[in-house]
C-alpha atoms as a PDB file:
ATOM      1  CA  MET A   1      20.452 -32.312  23.956  1.00  0.00           C
ATOM      2  CA  SER A   2      21.394 -28.592  24.013  1.00  0.00           C
ATOM      3  CA  THR A   3      19.884 -26.592  26.783  1.00  0.00           C
ATOM      4  CA  SER A   4      18.985 -24.121  23.942  1.00  0.00           C
ATOM      5  CA  MET A   5      16.851 -26.723  22.025  1.00  0.00           C
ATOM      6  CA  MET A   6      13.290 -25.812  21.015  1.00  0.00           C
ATOM      7  CA  THR A   7      10.847 -28.268  19.778  1.00  0.00           C
ATOM      8  CA  ILE A   8       7.895 -27.146  17.416  1.00  0.00           C
ATOM      9  CA  TYR A   9       5.057 -29.657  16.803  1.00  0.00           C
ATOM     10  CA  LEU A  10       3.090 -28.928  13.611  1.00  0.00           C
ATOM     11  CA  VAL A  11      -0.314 -30.444  14.057  1.00  0.00           C
ATOM     12  CA  PRO A  12      -2.709 -30.369  10.836  1.00  0.00           C
ATOM     13  CA  VAL A  13      -6.317 -29.527  11.504  1.00  0.00           C
ATOM     14  CA  GLY A  14      -8.580 -32.542  11.876  1.00  0.00           C
ATOM     15  CA  ALA A  15     -11.266 -33.472   9.072  1.00  0.00           C
ATOM     16  CA  THR A  16     -14.407 -31.722   8.403  1.00  0.00           C
ATOM     17  CA  ASP A  17     -17.495 -32.614   6.438  1.00  0.00           C
ATOM     18  CA  LEU A  18     -16.244 -30.427   3.699  1.00  0.00           C
ATOM     19  CA  SER A  19     -12.728 -32.021   3.517  1.00  0.00           C
ATOM     20  CA  LYS A  20     -13.434 -35.788   3.710  1.00  0.00           C
ATOM     21  CA  LYS A  21     -11.205 -36.612   0.740  1.00  0.00           C
ATOM     22  CA  GLY A  22      -8.522 -33.754   1.472  1.00  0.00           C
ATOM     23  CA  GLU A  23     -10.510 -30.989  -0.192  1.00  0.00           C
ATOM     24  CA  LEU A  24      -8.849 -27.453   0.274  1.00  0.00           C
ATOM     25  CA  LEU A  25     -10.982 -25.529   2.747  1.00  0.00           C
ATOM     26  CA  GLY A  26      -9.425 -22.031   2.445  1.00  0.00           C
ATOM     27  CA  ILE A  27     -11.887 -19.389   3.761  1.00  0.00           C
ATOM     28  CA  ASN A  28     -14.602 -21.826   4.421  1.00  0.00           C
ATOM     29  CA  ASN A  29     -15.109 -22.345   8.092  1.00  0.00           C
ATOM     30  CA  PRO A  30     -16.742 -25.655   8.943  1.00  0.00           C
ATOM     31  CA  GLU A  31     -16.422 -27.492  12.245  1.00  0.00           C
ATOM     32  CA  LEU A  32     -14.644 -30.726  12.870  1.00  0.00           C
ATOM     33  CA  ASN A  33     -16.449 -33.887  12.032  1.00  0.00           C
ATOM     34  CA  GLY A  34     -16.300 -37.045  14.107  1.00  0.00           C
ATOM     35  CA  ALA A  35     -13.090 -38.225  12.131  1.00  0.00           C
ATOM     36  CA  GLY A  36     -11.436 -34.748  12.765  1.00  0.00           C
ATOM     37  CA  LYS A  37     -12.291 -35.013  16.420  1.00  0.00           C
ATOM     38  CA  SER A  38     -10.723 -38.441  16.535  1.00  0.00           C
ATOM     39  CA  ASN A  39      -7.538 -36.919  14.648  1.00  0.00           C
ATOM     40  CA  ALA A  40      -7.305 -34.069  16.995  1.00  0.00           C
ATOM     41  CA  ASP A  41      -7.728 -36.655  20.018  1.00  0.00           C
ATOM     42  CA  ARG A  42      -4.885 -38.780  18.597  1.00  0.00           C
ATOM     43  CA  ALA A  43      -2.486 -35.657  18.392  1.00  0.00           C
ATOM     44  CA  ALA A  44      -3.487 -34.585  21.937  1.00  0.00           C
ATOM     45  CA  GLY A  45      -2.538 -38.316  23.162  1.00  0.00           C
ATOM     46  CA  ILE A  46       0.910 -37.968  21.550  1.00  0.00           C
ATOM     47  CA  LEU A  47       1.438 -34.693  23.002  1.00  0.00           C
ATOM     48  CA  ALA A  48      -0.060 -35.375  26.619  1.00  0.00           C
ATOM     49  CA  PRO A  49       3.359 -36.548  28.223  1.00  0.00           C
ATOM     50  CA  ILE A  50       5.187 -33.617  26.845  1.00  0.00           C
ATOM     51  CA  VAL A  51       5.364 -30.111  28.784  1.00  0.00           C
ATOM     52  CA  LEU A  52       4.208 -27.433  26.315  1.00  0.00           C
ATOM     53  CA  GLU A  53       5.161 -23.767  26.417  1.00  0.00           C
ATOM     54  CA  ALA A  54       2.349 -22.675  24.230  1.00  0.00           C
ATOM     55  CA  VAL A  55      -0.229 -23.792  21.640  1.00  0.00           C
ATOM     56  CA  PHE A  56      -0.861 -21.530  18.602  1.00  0.00           C
ATOM     57  CA  SER A  57      -3.949 -21.926  16.327  1.00  0.00           C
ATOM     58  CA  GLY A  58      -5.407 -20.186  13.358  1.00  0.00           C
ATOM     59  CA  PRO A  59      -8.961 -18.587  13.776  1.00  0.00           C
ATOM     60  CA  TYR A  60     -11.183 -20.868  11.843  1.00  0.00           C
ATOM     61  CA  ARG A  61     -13.395 -23.317  13.748  1.00  0.00           C
ATOM     62  CA  ARG A  62     -11.339 -26.414  12.587  1.00  0.00           C
ATOM     63  CA  GLU A  63      -8.066 -24.859  13.791  1.00  0.00           C
ATOM     64  CA  SER A  64      -9.242 -23.596  17.163  1.00  0.00           C
ATOM     65  CA  GLU A  65     -11.244 -26.965  17.925  1.00  0.00           C
ATOM     66  CA  THR A  66      -8.297 -28.952  17.193  1.00  0.00           C
ATOM     67  CA  ALA A  67      -6.176 -26.787  19.475  1.00  0.00           C
ATOM     68  CA  GLU A  68      -8.504 -26.800  22.446  1.00  0.00           C
ATOM     69  CA  LEU A  69      -8.540 -30.689  22.250  1.00  0.00           C
ATOM     70  CA  VAL A  70      -4.573 -30.494  22.453  1.00  0.00           C
ATOM     71  CA  ALA A  71      -4.439 -27.800  24.943  1.00  0.00           C
ATOM     72  CA  ARG A  72      -7.032 -29.095  27.376  1.00  0.00           C
ATOM     73  CA  THR A  73      -4.676 -32.064  28.530  1.00  0.00           C
ATOM     74  CA  HIS A  74      -2.281 -29.103  29.684  1.00  0.00           C
ATOM     75  CA  SER A  75      -4.473 -26.635  31.072  1.00  0.00           C
ATOM     76  CA  ILE A  76      -2.977 -23.849  29.149  1.00  0.00           C
ATOM     77  CA  PRO A  77      -4.844 -21.169  26.834  1.00  0.00           C
ATOM     78  CA  VAL A  78      -4.801 -21.671  22.984  1.00  0.00           C
ATOM     79  CA  ARG A  79      -3.088 -18.405  21.534  1.00  0.00           C
ATOM     80  CA  VAL A  80      -5.034 -17.741  18.540  1.00  0.00           C
ATOM     81  CA  GLU A  81      -3.168 -16.129  15.488  1.00  0.00           C
ATOM     82  CA  LYS A  82      -4.733 -14.597  12.580  1.00  0.00           C
ATOM     83  CA  ASP A  83      -1.568 -14.897  10.812  1.00  0.00           C
ATOM     84  CA  LEU A  84      -2.107 -18.768  10.871  1.00  0.00           C
ATOM     85  CA  LYS A  85      -5.328 -18.947   8.877  1.00  0.00           C
ATOM     86  CA  ASP A  86      -5.611 -20.843   5.878  1.00  0.00           C
ATOM     87  CA  ILE A  87      -5.089 -19.347   2.333  1.00  0.00           C
ATOM     88  CA  ASN A  88      -7.917 -18.262   0.135  1.00  0.00           C
ATOM     89  CA  TYR A  89      -7.432 -20.842  -3.027  1.00  0.00           C
ATOM     90  CA  GLY A  90     -10.054 -18.955  -5.016  1.00  0.00           C
ATOM     91  CA  ARG A  91     -11.679 -21.393  -7.435  1.00  0.00           C
ATOM     92  CA  TRP A  92      -9.532 -24.267  -6.271  1.00  0.00           C
ATOM     93  CA  CYS A  93     -11.345 -24.286  -2.824  1.00  0.00           C
ATOM     94  CA  GLY A  94     -13.586 -27.455  -2.449  1.00  0.00           C
ATOM     95  CA  GLN A  95     -10.957 -29.488  -4.717  1.00  0.00           C
ATOM     96  CA  THR A  96      -8.415 -31.847  -3.918  1.00  0.00           C
ATOM     97  CA  TRP A  97      -4.659 -31.498  -4.965  1.00  0.00           C
ATOM     98  CA  GLN A  98      -4.977 -34.589  -7.017  1.00  0.00           C
ATOM     99  CA  ALA A  99      -8.059 -33.093  -8.886  1.00  0.00           C
ATOM    100  CA  ILE A 100      -6.389 -29.987  -9.570  1.00  0.00           C
ATOM    101  CA  GLU A 101      -3.201 -31.574 -10.961  1.00  0.00           C
ATOM    102  CA  THR A 102      -5.450 -33.692 -13.387  1.00  0.00           C
ATOM    103  CA  ASN A 103      -7.287 -30.474 -14.645  1.00  0.00           C
ATOM    104  CA  GLU A 104      -4.535 -27.641 -14.166  1.00  0.00           C
ATOM    105  CA  GLY A 105      -1.444 -29.484 -13.906  1.00  0.00           C
ATOM    106  CA  ASP A 106       0.751 -26.743 -15.430  1.00  0.00           C
ATOM    107  CA  ALA A 107      -0.505 -24.093 -12.848  1.00  0.00           C
ATOM    108  CA  LEU A 108       0.097 -26.373  -9.917  1.00  0.00           C
ATOM    109  CA  SER A 109       3.620 -27.046 -11.144  1.00  0.00           C
ATOM    110  CA  LYS A 110       4.237 -23.348 -10.920  1.00  0.00           C
ATOM    111  CA  LEU A 111       2.798 -23.142  -7.474  1.00  0.00           C
ATOM    112  CA  VAL A 112       5.150 -25.909  -6.166  1.00  0.00           C
ATOM    113  CA  LYS A 113       8.299 -24.479  -8.164  1.00  0.00           C
ATOM    114  CA  SER A 114       8.023 -20.768  -7.616  1.00  0.00           C
ATOM    115  CA  PRO A 115       5.310 -20.412  -4.806  1.00  0.00           C
ATOM    116  CA  HIS A 116       6.367 -16.781  -3.982  1.00  0.00           C
ATOM    117  CA  ARG A 117       5.415 -15.796  -7.337  1.00  0.00           C
ATOM    118  CA  PHE A 118       2.087 -17.521  -7.547  1.00  0.00           C
ATOM    119  CA  ARG A 119      -1.517 -16.366  -7.333  1.00  0.00           C
ATOM    120  CA  PHE A 120      -4.405 -18.804  -6.609  1.00  0.00           C
ATOM    121  CA  PRO A 121      -7.043 -18.400  -9.354  1.00  0.00           C
ATOM    122  CA  SER A 122      -9.567 -15.734  -8.215  1.00  0.00           C
ATOM    123  CA  GLY A 123      -7.695 -16.075  -4.722  1.00  0.00           C
ATOM    124  CA  ASP A 124      -4.705 -14.790  -2.699  1.00  0.00           C
ATOM    125  CA  LYS A 125      -1.263 -14.072  -3.875  1.00  0.00           C
ATOM    126  CA  MET A 126       1.326 -16.333  -2.190  1.00  0.00           C
ATOM    127  CA  LYS A 127       3.669 -13.396  -1.820  1.00  0.00           C
ATOM    128  CA  ARG A 128       0.896 -11.680   0.416  1.00  0.00           C
ATOM    129  CA  SER A 129       0.005 -14.918   2.520  1.00  0.00           C
ATOM    130  CA  GLY A 130       3.881 -15.572   2.710  1.00  0.00           C
ATOM    131  CA  LYS A 131       4.494 -12.291   4.367  1.00  0.00           C
ATOM    132  CA  ARG A 132       1.987 -12.923   7.036  1.00  0.00           C
ATOM    133  CA  LEU A 133       3.249 -16.530   7.848  1.00  0.00           C
ATOM    134  CA  GLN A 134       6.817 -15.212   7.781  1.00  0.00           C
ATOM    135  CA  SER A 135       5.800 -12.659  10.348  1.00  0.00           C
ATOM    136  CA  PHE A 136       4.318 -15.398  12.676  1.00  0.00           C
ATOM    137  CA  VAL A 137       7.659 -17.279  12.057  1.00  0.00           C
ATOM    138  CA  ARG A 138       9.838 -14.439  13.089  1.00  0.00           C
ATOM    139  CA  GLN A 139       7.691 -13.684  16.279  1.00  0.00           C
ATOM    140  CA  LEU A 140       7.905 -17.241  17.384  1.00  0.00           C
ATOM    141  CA  LEU A 141      11.676 -17.678  17.021  1.00  0.00           C
ATOM    142  CA  ALA A 142      12.240 -14.227  18.565  1.00  0.00           C
ATOM    143  CA  ASN A 143      10.067 -14.846  21.732  1.00  0.00           C
ATOM    144  CA  TYR A 144      10.772 -18.581  22.325  1.00  0.00           C
ATOM    145  CA  GLY A 145      14.191 -20.082  22.344  1.00  0.00           C
ATOM    146  CA  THR A 146      13.570 -23.417  24.329  1.00  0.00           C
ATOM    147  CA  GLY A 147      10.992 -25.616  25.299  1.00  0.00           C
ATOM    148  CA  ASN A 148       7.988 -27.144  23.229  1.00  0.00           C
ATOM    149  CA  LEU A 149       5.592 -25.553  21.200  1.00  0.00           C
ATOM    150  CA  VAL A 150       2.494 -26.427  19.097  1.00  0.00           C
ATOM    151  CA  VAL A 151       1.385 -24.836  16.183  1.00  0.00           C
ATOM    152  CA  ILE A 152      -1.996 -25.846  14.678  1.00  0.00           C
ATOM    153  CA  ALA A 153      -3.146 -24.924  11.070  1.00  0.00           C
ATOM    154  CA  ASP A 154      -3.966 -26.551   7.572  1.00  0.00           C
ATOM    155  CA  ASP A 155      -1.690 -28.708   5.802  1.00  0.00           C
ATOM    156  CA  PHE A 156      -0.466 -26.345   2.949  1.00  0.00           C
ATOM    157  CA  VAL A 157       0.167 -23.694   5.617  1.00  0.00           C
ATOM    158  CA  LEU A 158       2.122 -25.906   7.773  1.00  0.00           C
ATOM    159  CA  MET A 159       4.464 -26.889   4.974  1.00  0.00           C
ATOM    160  CA  VAL A 160       4.892 -23.079   4.092  1.00  0.00           C
ATOM    161  CA  ILE A 161       5.992 -22.553   7.779  1.00  0.00           C
ATOM    162  CA  VAL A 162       8.401 -25.563   7.794  1.00  0.00           C
ATOM    163  CA  SER A 163      10.083 -24.239   4.651  1.00  0.00           C
ATOM    164  CA  MET A 164      10.515 -20.946   6.100  1.00  0.00           C
ATOM    165  CA  MET A 165      11.924 -22.240   9.404  1.00  0.00           C
ATOM    166  CA  THR A 166      14.167 -24.806   8.097  1.00  0.00           C
ATOM    167  CA  LYS A 167      15.196 -23.155   4.542  1.00  0.00           C
ATOM    168  CA  VAL A 168      14.255 -26.367   2.826  1.00  0.00           C
ATOM    169  CA  GLU A 169      13.099 -25.858  -0.566  1.00  0.00           C
ATOM    170  CA  PHE A 170       9.310 -25.882  -0.718  1.00  0.00           C
ATOM    171  CA  ARG A 171       8.975 -28.473  -3.437  1.00  0.00           C
ATOM    172  CA  GLU A 172      11.288 -30.679  -1.465  1.00  0.00           C
ATOM    173  CA  LEU A 173       8.819 -30.972   1.296  1.00  0.00           C
ATOM    174  CA  ASP A 174       6.225 -32.831  -1.181  1.00  0.00           C
ATOM    175  CA  PRO A 175       3.682 -29.890  -0.047  1.00  0.00           C
ATOM    176  CA  LEU A 176       0.661 -31.223  -1.657  1.00  0.00           C
ATOM    177  CA  LYS A 177       0.805 -34.531  -0.078  1.00  0.00           C
ATOM    178  CA  PRO A 178      -1.897 -35.089   2.363  1.00  0.00           C
ATOM    179  CA  SER A 179      -0.721 -35.322   6.127  1.00  0.00           C
ATOM    180  CA  LEU A 180      -3.449 -37.997   6.897  1.00  0.00           C
ATOM    181  CA  GLY A 181      -3.352 -36.292  10.536  1.00  0.00           C
ATOM    182  CA  LYS A 182       0.190 -36.834  11.008  1.00  0.00           C
ATOM    183  CA  MET A 183       2.300 -34.218  12.530  1.00  0.00           C
ATOM    184  CA  THR A 184       5.540 -32.560  11.488  1.00  0.00           C
ATOM    185  CA  VAL A 185       8.313 -32.003  14.002  1.00  0.00           C
ATOM    186  CA  VAL A 186      10.888 -29.314  13.896  1.00  0.00           C
ATOM    187  CA  GLU A 187      13.821 -28.909  16.173  1.00  0.00           C
ATOM    188  CA  CYS A 188      15.511 -25.456  16.470  1.00  0.00           C
ATOM    189  CA  ASP A 189      18.963 -24.706  18.301  1.00  0.00           C
ATOM    190  CA  GLN A 190      20.034 -21.194  18.634  1.00  0.00           C
ATOM    191  CA  GLY A 191      17.848 -20.096  15.770  1.00  0.00           C
ATOM    192  CA  LYS A 192      18.878 -22.927  13.605  1.00  0.00           C
ATOM    193  CA  CYS A 193      16.062 -25.212  12.513  1.00  0.00           C
ATOM    194  CA  SER A 194      15.802 -28.576  11.026  1.00  0.00           C
ATOM    195  CA  ILE A 195      13.016 -31.148  10.531  1.00  0.00           C
ATOM    196  CA  LYS A 196      12.974 -34.321  12.781  1.00  0.00           C
ATOM    197  CA  HIS A 197       9.777 -35.834  11.446  1.00  0.00           C
ATOM    198  CA  LEU A 198       7.944 -34.909   8.373  1.00  0.00           C
ATOM    199  CA  ARG A 199       4.264 -35.735   8.534  1.00  0.00           C
ATOM    200  CA  SER A 200       5.353 -39.176  10.315  1.00  0.00           C
ATOM    201  CA  LYS A 201       4.590 -38.720  14.036  1.00  0.00           C
END
């Protein structure tokens, strides 16, 4: 393995009482429920033997609670990043992707095919959300070149980040597929990043 290798573990937030079936949370801010804490504990167990340089988290409770459970084993602080917060999905908040596909399939198809041009109904523009996520990615790659990092955010946000890091087309990541608590692993060597595991660890 190259001495310049960096590994990034992208961990989805645990479940909440408002997202038992994978509903989009957006700007809602519930805490983890029992199943969510179990998901976070599982991620913490997988990451426990790995030496971590940093754990990054979005600012919402579900994100920070997941991050605290992961970071606690390593006795390192959680670095809360506002840029990692979930997107405001507008009137799609509280719905699953499956329900949205059934009721508004054409709009959902546009999101997957051209995310940078999409605006969520009564919610955020993806172009604006993409800018803040791109800012996070740039800072991450600029400030770290080696070691193991953890990034904790909501599923959809993580897939946007993976696409930005690896240059893989967003639609090729099957971005609406639920993670079911499984993390994605990206490896970067001298600034070039590739997917090692996609929602499979």
